[in-house]
Amino acid sequence: MNKILLSLILAVGGLAVFHYGLFPIFTPKEAGWITNRYVYYLLFVFYMIVVNVGMRLQPPMALKALYVWLLGFYFYDAILSPHIPWTLFITYMMLWSIGTFLYISQDPITFREFRSPIVKTIIGEYKIARVVVFTLMPILVGFATYNTIYPSFAEPVELRTVHPAPPSTTKVHGKTYKLEEIGNPFRTDEQDNYKDSFPFLDKTEYMKNVTEGGTIFFQNCHYCHGDQLNGLGMFSHAFNPTPANFIDPGTIAMLQESFLFWRVSKGGPGLPNESTPWSSAMPPWEEHLTTDEIWKVILFEYWYTGWHPRTFDTEGSTAE
């Protein structure tokens, strides 16, 4: 058998055996000193050296260059973990290709040997190779061009809602609440008498709870929602979507307090699927605040903004 053909068969067959037979063995969930992907790659490189050098197959320079280039491609595409981004992959392969070209062009003899089969294919000395190359090349170029310029109109993964429908019940600190029935336990009928009061000076029970809610807000929430509750906190620009602007009439002014209790308690991780793909960066505050503290923060947010929470028998809210 022709040594060049034998070298190619052993290379392709060896890659298939290594990748589909040995690769799963060398990539367990917990890598060891021996059973890891990099030891596997070194074994495959050693196999290629033994096959071509040990058996004295002496493949031509063009085939040697192809082997070297494919070893780099295989390493960056299948061995390196986690897989690098596509742009970085292209950069590394360009550098690898330049190194391969420097290897084959190190002197006139090796470069002449490398380009000899290419020249013979172009001038027609290798007739079958010429027919195959000049038939497949336009097809491959046309297919790649078609895939690149053909417009793609992918449907959105799912429709997103800003204020998703809350569940009927929510469980916070081991207690189940029916959202349609609960209200803020710290809200009083006389709250409207205090909308112009300053919480730290007013000693009524209602304003005392507002003060405590404000203290909790500025200790935990103002970094994102802002010290003016306008969603422009010092960390707000790092998030997409940005934190809620409570001054805007489209946020808490149109929501019930029970909705806010659910959202603050569960945070972004508690949102349903229709709130993806962006969801929310807010943490589940039930892990950091007590139930009473959550209600007092909500009480403060309404007091500060001047909005009244929406109720079941009220169609909208108005700011004073």
C-alpha atoms as a PDB file:
ATOM      1  CA  MET A   1       0.000   0.000   0.000  1.00  0.00           C
ATOM      2  CA  ASN A   2       1.143   3.535  -0.731  1.00  0.00           C
ATOM      3  CA  LYS A   3       2.814   4.986   2.366  1.00  0.00           C
ATOM      4  CA  ILE A   4       1.048   8.356   1.974  1.00  0.00           C
ATOM      5  CA  LEU A   5      -2.355   6.698   1.849  1.00  0.00           C
ATOM      6  CA  LEU A   6      -1.457   4.451   4.798  1.00  0.00           C
ATOM      7  CA  SER A   7      -0.381   7.480   6.839  1.00  0.00           C
ATOM      8  CA  LEU A   8      -3.669   9.236   6.088  1.00  0.00           C
ATOM      9  CA  ILE A   9      -5.758   6.167   6.947  1.00  0.00           C
ATOM     10  CA  LEU A  10      -3.934   5.630  10.251  1.00  0.00           C
ATOM     11  CA  ALA A  11      -4.334   9.317  11.147  1.00  0.00           C
ATOM     12  CA  VAL A  12      -8.077   9.434  10.421  1.00  0.00           C
ATOM     13  CA  GLY A  13      -8.723   6.006  11.988  1.00  0.00           C
ATOM     14  CA  GLY A  14      -6.638   6.866  15.038  1.00  0.00           C
ATOM     15  CA  LEU A  15      -8.521  10.118  15.551  1.00  0.00           C
ATOM     16  CA  ALA A  16     -11.849   8.267  15.395  1.00  0.00           C
ATOM     17  CA  VAL A  17     -10.704   5.631  17.906  1.00  0.00           C
ATOM     18  CA  PHE A  18      -9.199   8.185  20.279  1.00  0.00           C
ATOM     19  CA  HIS A  19     -12.086  10.658  20.129  1.00  0.00           C
ATOM     20  CA  TYR A  20     -14.970   8.215  20.383  1.00  0.00           C
ATOM     21  CA  GLY A  21     -13.268   5.480  22.395  1.00  0.00           C
ATOM     22  CA  LEU A  22     -10.678   7.015  24.714  1.00  0.00           C
ATOM     23  CA  PHE A  23     -11.892  10.603  25.070  1.00  0.00           C
ATOM     24  CA  PRO A  24     -14.942   9.696  27.245  1.00  0.00           C
ATOM     25  CA  ILE A  25     -12.646   7.628  29.504  1.00  0.00           C
ATOM     26  CA  PHE A  26     -10.181  10.483  29.986  1.00  0.00           C
ATOM     27  CA  THR A  27     -12.889  13.104  30.700  1.00  0.00           C
ATOM     28  CA  PRO A  28     -14.696  12.002  33.879  1.00  0.00           C
ATOM     29  CA  LYS A  29     -16.665  14.471  35.975  1.00  0.00           C
ATOM     30  CA  GLU A  30     -13.730  14.806  38.367  1.00  0.00           C
ATOM     31  CA  ALA A  31     -10.420  14.898  36.496  1.00  0.00           C
ATOM     32  CA  GLY A  32      -7.370  13.199  37.977  1.00  0.00           C
ATOM     33  CA  TRP A  33      -3.651  13.334  37.345  1.00  0.00           C
ATOM     34  CA  ILE A  34      -3.920  10.692  34.626  1.00  0.00           C
ATOM     35  CA  THR A  35      -7.555  10.713  33.560  1.00  0.00           C
ATOM     36  CA  ASN A  36      -7.831  14.209  32.152  1.00  0.00           C
ATOM     37  CA  ARG A  37      -8.226  15.641  28.673  1.00  0.00           C
ATOM     38  CA  TYR A  38      -4.706  17.023  28.437  1.00  0.00           C
ATOM     39  CA  VAL A  39      -3.046  13.661  29.115  1.00  0.00           C
ATOM     40  CA  TYR A  40      -5.387  12.227  26.480  1.00  0.00           C
ATOM     41  CA  TYR A  41      -4.215  14.869  23.968  1.00  0.00           C
ATOM     42  CA  LEU A  42      -0.553  14.112  24.676  1.00  0.00           C
ATOM     43  CA  LEU A  43      -1.258  10.414  24.078  1.00  0.00           C
ATOM     44  CA  PHE A  44      -2.885  11.237  20.738  1.00  0.00           C
ATOM     45  CA  VAL A  45       0.103  13.390  19.688  1.00  0.00           C
ATOM     46  CA  PHE A  46       2.439  10.569  20.731  1.00  0.00           C
ATOM     47  CA  TYR A  47       0.383   8.160  18.615  1.00  0.00           C
ATOM     48  CA  MET A  48       0.722  10.411  15.552  1.00  0.00           C
ATOM     49  CA  ILE A  49       4.492  10.645  16.027  1.00  0.00           C
ATOM     50  CA  VAL A  50       4.903   6.882  16.461  1.00  0.00           C
ATOM     51  CA  VAL A  51       2.759   6.117  13.402  1.00  0.00           C
ATOM     52  CA  ASN A  52       4.617   8.442  11.056  1.00  0.00           C
ATOM     53  CA  VAL A  53       8.142   8.314  12.471  1.00  0.00           C
ATOM     54  CA  GLY A  54       8.249   4.853  14.004  1.00  0.00           C
ATOM     55  CA  MET A  55       6.746   3.199  10.921  1.00  0.00           C
ATOM     56  CA  ARG A  56       8.884   5.391   8.639  1.00  0.00           C
ATOM     57  CA  LEU A  57       5.919   6.359   6.501  1.00  0.00           C
ATOM     58  CA  GLN A  58       7.572   9.682   5.688  1.00  0.00           C
ATOM     59  CA  PRO A  59       4.454  11.646   4.619  1.00  0.00           C
ATOM     60  CA  PRO A  60       5.096  14.604   2.313  1.00  0.00           C
ATOM     61  CA  MET A  61       5.500  18.085   3.722  1.00  0.00           C
ATOM     62  CA  ALA A  62       1.945  19.077   2.724  1.00  0.00           C
ATOM     63  CA  LEU A  63       0.507  16.192   4.767  1.00  0.00           C
ATOM     64  CA  LYS A  64       2.798  16.965   7.692  1.00  0.00           C
ATOM     65  CA  ALA A  65       1.582  20.572   7.646  1.00  0.00           C
ATOM     66  CA  LEU A  66      -2.010  19.363   7.539  1.00  0.00           C
ATOM     67  CA  TYR A  67      -1.412  17.119  10.565  1.00  0.00           C
ATOM     68  CA  VAL A  68       0.151  19.969  12.551  1.00  0.00           C
ATOM     69  CA  TRP A  69      -2.658  22.367  11.659  1.00  0.00           C
ATOM     70  CA  LEU A  70      -5.376  19.834  12.540  1.00  0.00           C
ATOM     71  CA  LEU A  71      -3.716  19.045  15.882  1.00  0.00           C
ATOM     72  CA  GLY A  72      -4.009  22.730  16.787  1.00  0.00           C
ATOM     73  CA  PHE A  73      -7.607  22.874  15.619  1.00  0.00           C
ATOM     74  CA  TYR A  74      -8.482  19.740  17.612  1.00  0.00           C
ATOM     75  CA  PHE A  75      -6.854  21.125  20.760  1.00  0.00           C
ATOM     76  CA  TYR A  76      -8.668  24.469  20.732  1.00  0.00           C
ATOM     77  CA  ASP A  77     -12.003  23.025  19.607  1.00  0.00           C
ATOM     78  CA  ALA A  78     -12.292  19.777  21.602  1.00  0.00           C
ATOM     79  CA  ILE A  79      -9.584  19.629  24.283  1.00  0.00           C
ATOM     80  CA  LEU A  80      -9.350  23.080  25.850  1.00  0.00           C
ATOM     81  CA  SER A  81     -12.028  23.429  28.526  1.00  0.00           C
ATOM     82  CA  PRO A  82     -14.113  25.469  28.935  1.00  0.00           C
ATOM     83  CA  HIS A  83     -14.420  26.184  25.234  1.00  0.00           C
ATOM     84  CA  ILE A  84     -13.017  29.592  24.353  1.00  0.00           C
ATOM     85  CA  PRO A  85     -15.203  32.222  22.587  1.00  0.00           C
ATOM     86  CA  TRP A  86     -15.408  32.021  18.804  1.00  0.00           C
ATOM     87  CA  THR A  87     -13.462  35.264  18.228  1.00  0.00           C
ATOM     88  CA  LEU A  88     -10.637  34.045  20.456  1.00  0.00           C
ATOM     89  CA  PHE A  89     -10.703  30.674  18.707  1.00  0.00           C
ATOM     90  CA  ILE A  90     -10.220  32.418  15.338  1.00  0.00           C
ATOM     91  CA  THR A  91      -7.336  34.460  16.761  1.00  0.00           C
ATOM     92  CA  TYR A  92      -5.551  31.405  18.143  1.00  0.00           C
ATOM     93  CA  MET A  93      -6.029  29.457  14.912  1.00  0.00           C
ATOM     94  CA  MET A  94      -4.613  32.356  12.892  1.00  0.00           C
ATOM     95  CA  LEU A  95      -1.505  32.313  15.093  1.00  0.00           C
ATOM     96  CA  TRP A  96      -1.296  28.521  14.790  1.00  0.00           C
ATOM     97  CA  SER A  97      -1.615  28.780  11.001  1.00  0.00           C
ATOM     98  CA  ILE A  98       1.160  31.356  10.851  1.00  0.00           C
ATOM     99  CA  GLY A  99       3.373  29.065  12.941  1.00  0.00           C
ATOM    100  CA  THR A 100       2.588  26.134  10.642  1.00  0.00           C
ATOM    101  CA  PHE A 101       3.456  28.217   7.583  1.00  0.00           C
ATOM    102  CA  LEU A 102       6.757  29.277   9.181  1.00  0.00           C
ATOM    103  CA  TYR A 103       7.490  25.585   9.772  1.00  0.00           C
ATOM    104  CA  ILE A 104       6.948  24.600   6.136  1.00  0.00           C
ATOM    105  CA  SER A 105       8.739  27.637   4.718  1.00  0.00           C
ATOM    106  CA  GLN A 106      11.822  27.364   6.887  1.00  0.00           C
ATOM    107  CA  ASP A 107      13.986  26.689   3.811  1.00  0.00           C
ATOM    108  CA  PRO A 108      13.466  26.495   0.003  1.00  0.00           C
ATOM    109  CA  ILE A 109      13.544  22.696  -0.045  1.00  0.00           C
ATOM    110  CA  THR A 110      10.711  22.122   2.455  1.00  0.00           C
ATOM    111  CA  PHE A 111       8.615  24.892   0.905  1.00  0.00           C
ATOM    112  CA  ARG A 112       9.116  23.456  -2.602  1.00  0.00           C
ATOM    113  CA  GLU A 113       8.066  20.055  -1.270  1.00  0.00           C
ATOM    114  CA  PHE A 114       4.990  21.579   0.343  1.00  0.00           C
ATOM    115  CA  ARG A 115       3.742  23.375  -2.745  1.00  0.00           C
ATOM    116  CA  SER A 116       4.580  20.594  -5.188  1.00  0.00           C
ATOM    117  CA  PRO A 117       1.238  18.696  -4.890  1.00  0.00           C
ATOM    118  CA  ILE A 118      -0.647  21.993  -5.010  1.00  0.00           C
ATOM    119  CA  VAL A 119       1.067  23.022  -8.242  1.00  0.00           C
ATOM    120  CA  LYS A 120       0.568  19.575  -9.788  1.00  0.00           C
ATOM    121  CA  THR A 121      -3.140  19.714  -8.937  1.00  0.00           C
ATOM    122  CA  ILE A 122      -3.533  23.151 -10.515  1.00  0.00           C
ATOM    123  CA  ILE A 123      -1.686  22.339 -13.746  1.00  0.00           C
ATOM    124  CA  GLY A 124      -3.588  19.058 -14.129  1.00  0.00           C
ATOM    125  CA  GLU A 125      -0.907  16.481 -13.398  1.00  0.00           C
ATOM    126  CA  TYR A 126      -3.153  15.133 -10.623  1.00  0.00           C
ATOM    127  CA  LYS A 127      -6.301  14.961 -12.737  1.00  0.00           C
ATOM    128  CA  ILE A 128      -8.660  13.375 -10.221  1.00  0.00           C
ATOM    129  CA  ALA A 129      -7.553  15.735  -7.456  1.00  0.00           C
ATOM    130  CA  ARG A 130      -8.023  18.691  -9.799  1.00  0.00           C
ATOM    131  CA  VAL A 131     -11.571  17.654 -10.709  1.00  0.00           C
ATOM    132  CA  VAL A 132     -12.491  17.128  -7.051  1.00  0.00           C
ATOM    133  CA  VAL A 133     -10.962  20.412  -5.865  1.00  0.00           C
ATOM    134  CA  PHE A 134     -12.377  22.579  -8.628  1.00  0.00           C
ATOM    135  CA  THR A 135     -15.800  20.987  -8.233  1.00  0.00           C
ATOM    136  CA  LEU A 136     -16.080  21.177  -4.466  1.00  0.00           C
ATOM    137  CA  MET A 137     -14.472  24.592  -3.982  1.00  0.00           C
ATOM    138  CA  PRO A 138     -17.196  26.651  -5.772  1.00  0.00           C
ATOM    139  CA  ILE A 139     -19.893  24.630  -3.988  1.00  0.00           C
ATOM    140  CA  LEU A 140     -18.351  25.196  -0.565  1.00  0.00           C
ATOM    141  CA  VAL A 141     -17.728  28.900  -1.209  1.00  0.00           C
ATOM    142  CA  GLY A 142     -21.283  29.367  -2.483  1.00  0.00           C
ATOM    143  CA  PHE A 143     -22.761  27.508   0.495  1.00  0.00           C
ATOM    144  CA  ALA A 144     -20.719  29.566   2.990  1.00  0.00           C
ATOM    145  CA  THR A 145     -21.705  32.818   1.255  1.00  0.00           C
ATOM    146  CA  TYR A 146     -25.369  31.801   1.223  1.00  0.00           C
ATOM    147  CA  ASN A 147     -25.351  31.031   4.962  1.00  0.00           C
ATOM    148  CA  THR A 148     -23.620  34.329   5.689  1.00  0.00           C
ATOM    149  CA  ILE A 149     -25.894  36.712   3.766  1.00  0.00           C
ATOM    150  CA  TYR A 150     -29.227  34.859   4.028  1.00  0.00           C
ATOM    151  CA  PRO A 151     -31.379  36.839   6.481  1.00  0.00           C
ATOM    152  CA  SER A 152     -32.518  35.054   9.595  1.00  0.00           C
ATOM    153  CA  PHE A 153     -35.745  35.983  11.319  1.00  0.00           C
ATOM    154  CA  ALA A 154     -35.662  33.980  14.494  1.00  0.00           C
ATOM    155  CA  GLU A 155     -38.751  34.189  16.667  1.00  0.00           C
ATOM    156  CA  PRO A 156     -38.258  35.498  20.197  1.00  0.00           C
ATOM    157  CA  VAL A 157     -37.831  32.798  22.785  1.00  0.00           C
ATOM    158  CA  GLU A 158     -40.913  33.963  24.646  1.00  0.00           C
ATOM    159  CA  LEU A 159     -42.926  37.121  25.171  1.00  0.00           C
ATOM    160  CA  ARG A 160     -41.770  39.145  28.156  1.00  0.00           C
ATOM    161  CA  THR A 161     -44.005  41.037  30.557  1.00  0.00           C
ATOM    162  CA  VAL A 162     -42.746  43.787  32.842  1.00  0.00           C
ATOM    163  CA  HIS A 163     -45.254  43.035  35.609  1.00  0.00           C
ATOM    164  CA  PRO A 164     -46.005  39.308  35.399  1.00  0.00           C
ATOM    165  CA  ALA A 165     -49.092  37.849  36.998  1.00  0.00           C
ATOM    166  CA  PRO A 166     -48.284  36.830  40.583  1.00  0.00           C
ATOM    167  CA  PRO A 167     -49.118  33.380  41.926  1.00  0.00           C
ATOM    168  CA  SER A 168     -52.212  32.927  44.069  1.00  0.00           C
ATOM    169  CA  THR A 169     -50.080  32.168  47.124  1.00  0.00           C
ATOM    170  CA  THR A 170     -46.487  32.687  48.189  1.00  0.00           C
ATOM    171  CA  LYS A 171     -44.525  31.133  51.027  1.00  0.00           C
ATOM    172  CA  VAL A 172     -42.238  33.432  53.013  1.00  0.00           C
ATOM    173  CA  HIS A 173     -40.317  32.306  56.095  1.00  0.00           C
ATOM    174  CA  GLY A 174     -42.329  29.113  56.282  1.00  0.00           C
ATOM    175  CA  LYS A 175     -45.743  30.809  56.199  1.00  0.00           C
ATOM    176  CA  THR A 176     -48.081  30.712  53.208  1.00  0.00           C
ATOM    177  CA  TYR A 177     -49.819  33.963  52.202  1.00  0.00           C
ATOM    178  CA  LYS A 178     -52.797  34.338  49.864  1.00  0.00           C
ATOM    179  CA  LEU A 179     -51.867  37.372  47.805  1.00  0.00           C
ATOM    180  CA  GLU A 180     -55.471  38.296  47.057  1.00  0.00           C
ATOM    181  CA  GLU A 181     -56.286  38.558  50.752  1.00  0.00           C
ATOM    182  CA  ILE A 182     -53.236  40.012  52.479  1.00  0.00           C
ATOM    183  CA  GLY A 183     -52.495  43.693  52.999  1.00  0.00           C
ATOM    184  CA  ASN A 184     -49.744  45.681  54.632  1.00  0.00           C
ATOM    185  CA  PRO A 185     -50.169  45.148  58.400  1.00  0.00           C
ATOM    186  CA  PHE A 186     -48.500  48.502  59.113  1.00  0.00           C
ATOM    187  CA  ARG A 187     -50.821  50.584  56.946  1.00  0.00           C
ATOM    188  CA  THR A 188     -53.465  52.533  58.913  1.00  0.00           C
ATOM    189  CA  ASP A 189     -56.646  54.298  57.901  1.00  0.00           C
ATOM    190  CA  GLU A 190     -55.240  57.642  58.987  1.00  0.00           C
ATOM    191  CA  GLN A 191     -52.144  57.450  56.799  1.00  0.00           C
ATOM    192  CA  ASP A 192     -53.292  60.312  54.565  1.00  0.00           C
ATOM    193  CA  ASN A 193     -52.940  62.692  57.493  1.00  0.00           C
ATOM    194  CA  TYR A 194     -49.196  62.100  57.449  1.00  0.00           C
ATOM    195  CA  LYS A 195     -48.282  62.417  53.790  1.00  0.00           C
ATOM    196  CA  ASP A 196     -46.626  65.798  54.436  1.00  0.00           C
ATOM    197  CA  SER A 197     -44.916  64.761  57.662  1.00  0.00           C
ATOM    198  CA  PHE A 198     -41.217  64.231  58.150  1.00  0.00           C
ATOM    199  CA  PRO A 199     -40.784  60.704  59.488  1.00  0.00           C
ATOM    200  CA  PHE A 200     -37.937  61.384  61.911  1.00  0.00           C
ATOM    201  CA  LEU A 201     -39.872  64.186  63.610  1.00  0.00           C
ATOM    202  CA  ASP A 202     -43.358  62.708  63.606  1.00  0.00           C
ATOM    203  CA  LYS A 203     -43.801  60.331  66.559  1.00  0.00           C
ATOM    204  CA  THR A 204     -46.991  58.582  65.482  1.00  0.00           C
ATOM    205  CA  GLU A 205     -46.943  54.807  65.071  1.00  0.00           C
ATOM    206  CA  TYR A 206     -47.500  55.041  61.330  1.00  0.00           C
ATOM    207  CA  MET A 207     -44.558  57.374  60.771  1.00  0.00           C
ATOM    208  CA  LYS A 208     -42.420  55.286  63.104  1.00  0.00           C
ATOM    209  CA  ASN A 209     -42.928  52.325  60.758  1.00  0.00           C
ATOM    210  CA  VAL A 210     -42.203  54.541  57.735  1.00  0.00           C
ATOM    211  CA  THR A 211     -38.945  55.629  59.389  1.00  0.00           C
ATOM    212  CA  GLU A 212     -37.906  52.038  60.034  1.00  0.00           C
ATOM    213  CA  GLY A 213     -38.756  51.104  56.432  1.00  0.00           C
ATOM    214  CA  GLY A 214     -36.694  54.031  55.140  1.00  0.00           C
ATOM    215  CA  THR A 215     -33.740  52.981  57.269  1.00  0.00           C
ATOM    216  CA  ILE A 216     -33.903  49.453  55.859  1.00  0.00           C
ATOM    217  CA  PHE A 217     -34.257  50.833  52.311  1.00  0.00           C
ATOM    218  CA  PHE A 218     -31.144  53.008  52.576  1.00  0.00           C
ATOM    219  CA  GLN A 219     -29.189  50.176  54.146  1.00  0.00           C
ATOM    220  CA  ASN A 220     -30.013  47.666  51.405  1.00  0.00           C
ATOM    221  CA  CYS A 221     -31.952  49.014  48.407  1.00  0.00           C
ATOM    222  CA  HIS A 222     -30.760  52.496  47.487  1.00  0.00           C
ATOM    223  CA  TYR A 223     -27.575  51.161  45.862  1.00  0.00           C
ATOM    224  CA  CYS A 224     -29.717  50.074  42.920  1.00  0.00           C
ATOM    225  CA  HIS A 225     -33.023  51.948  43.220  1.00  0.00           C
ATOM    226  CA  GLY A 226     -31.368  55.264  44.113  1.00  0.00           C
ATOM    227  CA  ASP A 227     -31.638  57.584  47.094  1.00  0.00           C
ATOM    228  CA  GLN A 228     -34.534  59.309  45.325  1.00  0.00           C
ATOM    229  CA  LEU A 229     -36.191  55.983  44.440  1.00  0.00           C
ATOM    230  CA  ASN A 230     -35.849  56.812  40.736  1.00  0.00           C
ATOM    231  CA  GLY A 231     -33.930  53.661  39.749  1.00  0.00           C
ATOM    232  CA  LEU A 232     -30.642  55.543  39.352  1.00  0.00           C
ATOM    233  CA  GLY A 233     -28.579  54.103  42.175  1.00  0.00           C
ATOM    234  CA  MET A 234     -24.809  53.835  42.015  1.00  0.00           C
ATOM    235  CA  PHE A 235     -25.013  50.227  40.747  1.00  0.00           C
ATOM    236  CA  SER A 236     -28.023  50.687  38.454  1.00  0.00           C
ATOM    237  CA  HIS A 237     -26.057  51.107  35.225  1.00  0.00           C
ATOM    238  CA  ALA A 238     -24.545  47.646  35.616  1.00  0.00           C
ATOM    239  CA  PHE A 239     -27.916  45.925  35.197  1.00  0.00           C
ATOM    240  CA  ASN A 240     -30.144  45.197  32.214  1.00  0.00           C
ATOM    241  CA  PRO A 241     -32.984  45.801  32.758  1.00  0.00           C
ATOM    242  CA  THR A 242     -32.230  48.657  35.119  1.00  0.00           C
ATOM    243  CA  PRO A 243     -33.784  48.687  38.602  1.00  0.00           C
ATOM    244  CA  ALA A 244     -37.384  49.861  38.918  1.00  0.00           C
ATOM    245  CA  ASN A 245     -38.090  53.597  39.045  1.00  0.00           C
ATOM    246  CA  PHE A 246     -40.677  53.978  41.819  1.00  0.00           C
ATOM    247  CA  ILE A 247     -41.335  57.612  40.866  1.00  0.00           C
ATOM    248  CA  ASP A 248     -42.661  56.467  37.501  1.00  0.00           C
ATOM    249  CA  PRO A 249     -46.469  56.036  37.541  1.00  0.00           C
ATOM    250  CA  GLY A 250     -46.068  52.752  35.683  1.00  0.00           C
ATOM    251  CA  THR A 251     -44.472  50.920  38.607  1.00  0.00           C
ATOM    252  CA  ILE A 252     -45.723  50.765  42.207  1.00  0.00           C
ATOM    253  CA  ALA A 253     -48.531  53.272  41.522  1.00  0.00           C
ATOM    254  CA  MET A 254     -50.384  50.629  39.507  1.00  0.00           C
ATOM    255  CA  LEU A 255     -49.576  47.682  41.761  1.00  0.00           C
ATOM    256  CA  GLN A 256     -51.027  46.218  44.920  1.00  0.00           C
ATOM    257  CA  GLU A 257     -48.900  45.968  48.026  1.00  0.00           C
ATOM    258  CA  SER A 258     -49.290  42.187  47.987  1.00  0.00           C
ATOM    259  CA  PHE A 259     -47.623  42.164  44.546  1.00  0.00           C
ATOM    260  CA  LEU A 260     -44.670  44.126  45.922  1.00  0.00           C
ATOM    261  CA  PHE A 261     -44.493  41.775  48.903  1.00  0.00           C
ATOM    262  CA  TRP A 262     -44.185  38.807  46.518  1.00  0.00           C
ATOM    263  CA  ARG A 263     -41.644  40.542  44.254  1.00  0.00           C
ATOM    264  CA  VAL A 264     -39.427  41.799  47.081  1.00  0.00           C
ATOM    265  CA  SER A 265     -39.545  38.473  48.915  1.00  0.00           C
ATOM    266  CA  LYS A 266     -38.734  36.275  45.906  1.00  0.00           C
ATOM    267  CA  GLY A 267     -36.602  38.697  43.836  1.00  0.00           C
ATOM    268  CA  GLY A 268     -35.446  37.855  40.330  1.00  0.00           C
ATOM    269  CA  PRO A 269     -35.102  34.085  40.944  1.00  0.00           C
ATOM    270  CA  GLY A 270     -38.815  33.905  41.800  1.00  0.00           C
ATOM    271  CA  LEU A 271     -40.074  35.373  38.531  1.00  0.00           C
ATOM    272  CA  PRO A 272     -42.092  33.181  36.140  1.00  0.00           C
ATOM    273  CA  ASN A 273     -40.926  32.253  32.631  1.00  0.00           C
ATOM    274  CA  GLU A 274     -42.717  35.151  30.929  1.00  0.00           C
ATOM    275  CA  SER A 275     -40.294  37.557  32.629  1.00  0.00           C
ATOM    276  CA  THR A 276     -37.292  36.065  30.900  1.00  0.00           C
ATOM    277  CA  PRO A 277     -34.885  36.382  29.167  1.00  0.00           C
ATOM    278  CA  TRP A 278     -33.859  39.483  31.164  1.00  0.00           C
ATOM    279  CA  SER A 279     -35.751  38.849  34.405  1.00  0.00           C
ATOM    280  CA  SER A 280     -34.378  40.886  37.306  1.00  0.00           C
ATOM    281  CA  ALA A 281     -31.124  41.191  39.229  1.00  0.00           C
ATOM    282  CA  MET A 282     -32.917  41.762  42.543  1.00  0.00           C
ATOM    283  CA  PRO A 283     -32.023  39.143  45.162  1.00  0.00           C
ATOM    284  CA  PRO A 284     -34.707  37.294  47.148  1.00  0.00           C
ATOM    285  CA  TRP A 285     -34.893  39.613  50.133  1.00  0.00           C
ATOM    286  CA  GLU A 286     -36.674  37.015  52.271  1.00  0.00           C
ATOM    287  CA  GLU A 287     -33.199  35.575  52.769  1.00  0.00           C
ATOM    288  CA  HIS A 288     -31.999  38.838  54.354  1.00  0.00           C
ATOM    289  CA  LEU A 289     -35.039  40.632  55.812  1.00  0.00           C
ATOM    290  CA  THR A 290     -37.865  39.605  58.110  1.00  0.00           C
ATOM    291  CA  THR A 291     -41.469  39.693  56.933  1.00  0.00           C
ATOM    292  CA  ASP A 292     -42.151  42.855  58.965  1.00  0.00           C
ATOM    293  CA  GLU A 293     -39.084  44.561  57.499  1.00  0.00           C
ATOM    294  CA  ILE A 294     -40.264  43.808  53.954  1.00  0.00           C
ATOM    295  CA  TRP A 295     -43.694  45.334  54.685  1.00  0.00           C
ATOM    296  CA  LYS A 296     -42.110  48.439  56.256  1.00  0.00           C
ATOM    297  CA  VAL A 297     -39.862  48.978  53.207  1.00  0.00           C
ATOM    298  CA  ILE A 298     -42.973  48.830  50.994  1.00  0.00           C
ATOM    299  CA  LEU A 299     -44.718  51.290  53.317  1.00  0.00           C
ATOM    300  CA  PHE A 300     -41.785  53.701  52.997  1.00  0.00           C
ATOM    301  CA  GLU A 301     -41.682  53.443  49.205  1.00  0.00           C
ATOM    302  CA  TYR A 302     -45.309  54.508  48.896  1.00  0.00           C
ATOM    303  CA  TRP A 303     -44.923  57.274  51.474  1.00  0.00           C
ATOM    304  CA  TYR A 304     -41.813  58.701  49.787  1.00  0.00           C
ATOM    305  CA  THR A 305     -43.223  58.697  46.268  1.00  0.00           C
ATOM    306  CA  GLY A 306     -46.686  59.929  47.246  1.00  0.00           C
ATOM    307  CA  TRP A 307     -48.397  57.048  45.472  1.00  0.00           C
ATOM    308  CA  HIS A 308     -51.201  55.057  47.036  1.00  0.00           C
ATOM    309  CA  PRO A 309     -51.186  51.300  46.488  1.00  0.00           C
ATOM    310  CA  ARG A 310     -53.787  49.965  44.115  1.00  0.00           C
ATOM    311  CA  THR A 311     -56.619  48.011  45.706  1.00  0.00           C
ATOM    312  CA  PHE A 312     -59.063  45.467  44.298  1.00  0.00           C
ATOM    313  CA  ASP A 313     -61.886  47.999  44.146  1.00  0.00           C
ATOM    314  CA  THR A 314     -59.755  50.807  42.659  1.00  0.00           C
ATOM    315  CA  GLU A 315     -58.864  51.057  38.978  1.00  0.00           C
ATOM    316  CA  GLY A 316     -55.860  53.302  39.362  1.00  0.00           C
ATOM    317  CA  SER A 317     -53.682  55.310  41.707  1.00  0.00           C
ATOM    318  CA  THR A 318     -53.001  59.005  41.885  1.00  0.00           C
ATOM    319  CA  ALA A 319     -50.080  60.913  43.293  1.00  0.00           C
ATOM    320  CA  GLU A 320     -50.741  63.802  45.589  1.00  0.00           C
END
